[in-house]
C-alpha atoms as a PDB file:
ATOM      1  CA  TYR A   1      20.748  11.569  53.201  1.00  0.00           C
ATOM      2  CA  MET A   2      17.801  13.545  53.217  1.00  0.00           C
ATOM      3  CA  GLY A   3      19.196  16.674  53.226  1.00  0.00           C
ATOM      4  CA  GLU A   4      20.156  15.980  49.592  1.00  0.00           C
ATOM      5  CA  ASN A   5      16.752  15.205  48.577  1.00  0.00           C
ATOM      6  CA  ARG A   6      15.600  18.575  49.483  1.00  0.00           C
ATOM      7  CA  ASN A   7      17.962  20.349  47.691  1.00  0.00           C
ATOM      8  CA  ARG A   8      17.108  18.931  44.730  1.00  0.00           C
ATOM      9  CA  ARG A   9      14.878  19.778  41.613  1.00  0.00           C
ATOM     10  CA  PRO A  10      11.383  17.485  41.250  1.00  0.00           C
ATOM     11  CA  THR A  11      11.329  16.158  37.850  1.00  0.00           C
ATOM     12  CA  THR A  12       8.809  16.501  35.340  1.00  0.00           C
ATOM     13  CA  MET A  13       7.372  14.037  32.833  1.00  0.00           C
ATOM     14  CA  THR A  14       9.101  16.531  29.698  1.00  0.00           C
ATOM     15  CA  SER A  15      12.316  16.159  31.464  1.00  0.00           C
ATOM     16  CA  GLN A  16      12.717  12.687  32.063  1.00  0.00           C
ATOM     17  CA  LEU A  17      11.335  11.888  28.514  1.00  0.00           C
ATOM     18  CA  ALA A  18      14.119  14.271  27.139  1.00  0.00           C
ATOM     19  CA  MET A  19      16.964  12.414  29.392  1.00  0.00           C
ATOM     20  CA  ASN A  20      15.313   9.535  28.033  1.00  0.00           C
ATOM     21  CA  ALA A  21      15.744  10.873  24.160  1.00  0.00           C
ATOM     22  CA  LEU A  22      19.034  11.552  24.963  1.00  0.00           C
ATOM     23  CA  LYS A  23      20.127   8.545  26.595  1.00  0.00           C
ATOM     24  CA  GLN A  24      18.636   6.634  23.331  1.00  0.00           C
ATOM     25  CA  LEU A  25      20.516   8.909  20.690  1.00  0.00           C
ATOM     26  CA  ALA A  26      24.017   8.219  22.669  1.00  0.00           C
ATOM     27  CA  THR A  27      23.745   4.832  22.792  1.00  0.00           C
ATOM     28  CA  LYS A  28      22.468   4.860  18.747  1.00  0.00           C
ATOM     29  CA  GLU A  29      25.674   6.776  18.427  1.00  0.00           C
ATOM     30  CA  GLY A  30      28.112   5.344  20.420  1.00  0.00           C
ATOM     31  CA  ALA A  31      26.918   1.538  18.846  1.00  0.00           C
ATOM     32  CA  LEU A  32      27.571   3.309  15.506  1.00  0.00           C
ATOM     33  CA  LEU A  33      31.106   4.566  16.095  1.00  0.00           C
ATOM     34  CA  ARG A  34      32.475   1.107  17.663  1.00  0.00           C
ATOM     35  CA  GLY A  35      30.828  -0.726  14.481  1.00  0.00           C
ATOM     36  CA  THR A  36      28.734  -3.275  16.243  1.00  0.00           C
ATOM     37  CA  ALA A  37      25.663  -2.681  13.679  1.00  0.00           C
ATOM     38  CA  SER A  38      26.576  -4.010  10.195  1.00  0.00           C
ATOM     39  CA  ARG A  39      24.897  -3.531   7.291  1.00  0.00           C
ATOM     40  CA  GLY A  40      24.312  -6.148   3.964  1.00  0.00           C
ATOM     41  CA  LEU A  41      22.945  -7.512   1.313  1.00  0.00           C
ATOM     42  CA  HIS A  42      21.538 -11.270   1.328  1.00  0.00           C
ATOM     43  CA  THR A  43      20.137 -12.670  -1.667  1.00  0.00           C
ATOM     44  CA  SER A  44      19.135 -15.861  -3.433  1.00  0.00           C
ATOM     45  CA  ARG A  45      19.810 -17.330  -6.234  1.00  0.00           C
ATOM     46  CA  PRO A  46      17.404 -16.825  -9.228  1.00  0.00           C
ATOM     47  CA  VAL A  47      15.262 -19.571 -11.011  1.00  0.00           C
ATOM     48  CA  TYR A  48      16.274 -19.948 -14.287  1.00  0.00           C
ATOM     49  CA  MET A  49      13.747 -19.358 -16.817  1.00  0.00           C
ATOM     50  CA  GLY A  50      10.838 -19.731 -14.496  1.00  0.00           C
ATOM     51  CA  GLY A  51      10.747 -23.104 -12.604  1.00  0.00           C
ATOM     52  CA  ALA A  52      10.683 -26.932 -13.198  1.00  0.00           C
ATOM     53  CA  ASN A  53      10.250 -26.969 -16.668  1.00  0.00           C
ATOM     54  CA  ALA A  54      12.984 -24.580 -17.753  1.00  0.00           C
ATOM     55  CA  PRO A  55      15.016 -27.081 -19.999  1.00  0.00           C
ATOM     56  CA  ASP A  56      11.763 -28.256 -21.747  1.00  0.00           C
ATOM     57  CA  TYR A  57      11.506 -24.458 -22.506  1.00  0.00           C
ATOM     58  CA  VAL A  58      14.278 -23.374 -23.225  1.00  0.00           C
ATOM     59  CA  HIS A  59      15.073 -26.205 -25.911  1.00  0.00           C
ATOM     60  CA  ALA A  60      11.584 -26.645 -27.493  1.00  0.00           C
ATOM     61  CA  PRO A  61      11.612 -27.574 -30.813  1.00  0.00           C
ATOM     62  CA  LYS A  62      10.560 -24.546 -33.779  1.00  0.00           C
ATOM     63  CA  MET A  63      10.748 -22.120 -30.976  1.00  0.00           C
ATOM     64  CA  TYR A  64      13.471 -20.038 -32.645  1.00  0.00           C
ATOM     65  CA  LYS A  65      13.135 -20.897 -36.103  1.00  0.00           C
ATOM     66  CA  ILE A  66      11.311 -17.766 -37.409  1.00  0.00           C
ATOM     67  CA  LYS A  67      12.959 -17.944 -40.820  1.00  0.00           C
ATOM     68  CA  GLN A  68      11.371 -20.979 -40.938  1.00  0.00           C
ATOM     69  CA  MET A  69       7.791 -20.109 -40.109  1.00  0.00           C
ATOM     70  CA  PRO A  70       4.932 -20.474 -42.850  1.00  0.00           C
ATOM     71  CA  ASN A  71       3.405 -17.730 -43.800  1.00  0.00           C
ATOM     72  CA  ARG A  72       5.941 -15.107 -41.714  1.00  0.00           C
ATOM     73  CA  LYS A  73       5.372 -12.018 -43.974  1.00  0.00           C
ATOM     74  CA  LEU A  74       1.562 -12.205 -43.766  1.00  0.00           C
ATOM     75  CA  LYS A  75       1.712 -12.915 -39.865  1.00  0.00           C
ATOM     76  CA  PHE A  76       4.308 -10.227 -39.269  1.00  0.00           C
ATOM     77  CA  GLY A  77       2.597  -7.804 -41.736  1.00  0.00           C
ATOM     78  CA  LEU A  78      -0.969  -8.606 -40.030  1.00  0.00           C
ATOM     79  CA  PHE A  79       0.634  -8.107 -36.296  1.00  0.00           C
ATOM     80  CA  ILE A  80       2.928  -4.918 -37.253  1.00  0.00           C
ATOM     81  CA  GLY A  81      -0.197  -3.550 -39.561  1.00  0.00           C
ATOM     82  CA  GLY A  82      -3.020  -4.374 -36.678  1.00  0.00           C
ATOM     83  CA  GLY A  83      -0.532  -2.358 -34.218  1.00  0.00           C
ATOM     84  CA  ALA A  84      -0.107   0.800 -35.987  1.00  0.00           C
ATOM     85  CA  VAL A  85      -3.619   0.726 -36.882  1.00  0.00           C
ATOM     86  CA  LEU A  86      -4.805   0.419 -33.507  1.00  0.00           C
ATOM     87  CA  GLY A  87      -2.360   2.894 -32.471  1.00  0.00           C
ATOM     88  CA  PHE A  88      -3.106   5.511 -34.820  1.00  0.00           C
ATOM     89  CA  GLY A  89      -6.666   4.628 -34.992  1.00  0.00           C
ATOM     90  CA  ILE A  90      -7.641   4.897 -31.177  1.00  0.00           C
ATOM     91  CA  PRO A  91      -6.708   8.442 -30.819  1.00  0.00           C
ATOM     92  CA  PHE A  92      -8.273   9.757 -34.148  1.00  0.00           C
ATOM     93  CA  TRP A  93     -11.245   7.663 -32.993  1.00  0.00           C
ATOM     94  CA  ALA A  94     -11.246   9.572 -29.328  1.00  0.00           C
ATOM     95  CA  VAL A  95     -10.789  12.962 -30.699  1.00  0.00           C
ATOM     96  CA  ASN A  96     -13.750  12.770 -33.146  1.00  0.00           C
ATOM     97  CA  PHE A  97     -15.900  11.102 -30.929  1.00  0.00           C
ATOM     98  CA  THR A  98     -15.260  14.206 -28.188  1.00  0.00           C
ATOM     99  CA  GLN A  99     -15.779  16.641 -30.540  1.00  0.00           C
ATOM    100  CA  LYS A 100     -18.780  14.682 -31.433  1.00  0.00           C
ATOM    101  CA  LYS A 101     -19.804  15.247 -27.800  1.00  0.00           C
ATOM    102  CA  LEU A 102     -19.550  18.516 -27.571  1.00  0.00           C
ATOM    103  CA  GLY A 103     -21.307  18.995 -30.380  1.00  0.00           C
END
């Protein structure tokens, strides 16, 4: 019994770490080959229209009656025109401001 221990090489920390890494890799590959590990997707049912007041919100009176909206052309015209003025005006103002600062 004692003779066997004298002929063995002493193990170093690096070789022990390498052996442990190989053992872990072998067990992972074995588990993947056996098919014990499973992947899946679990989801929950989405909340319809955001919660407790959903039916009141969906069936709100006058909600989708855009054609009967009073002053519809004026309101939509101001909204779209204001967006266009901001969308084109801000970049032009920024360029003008930068050029003034440069002298």
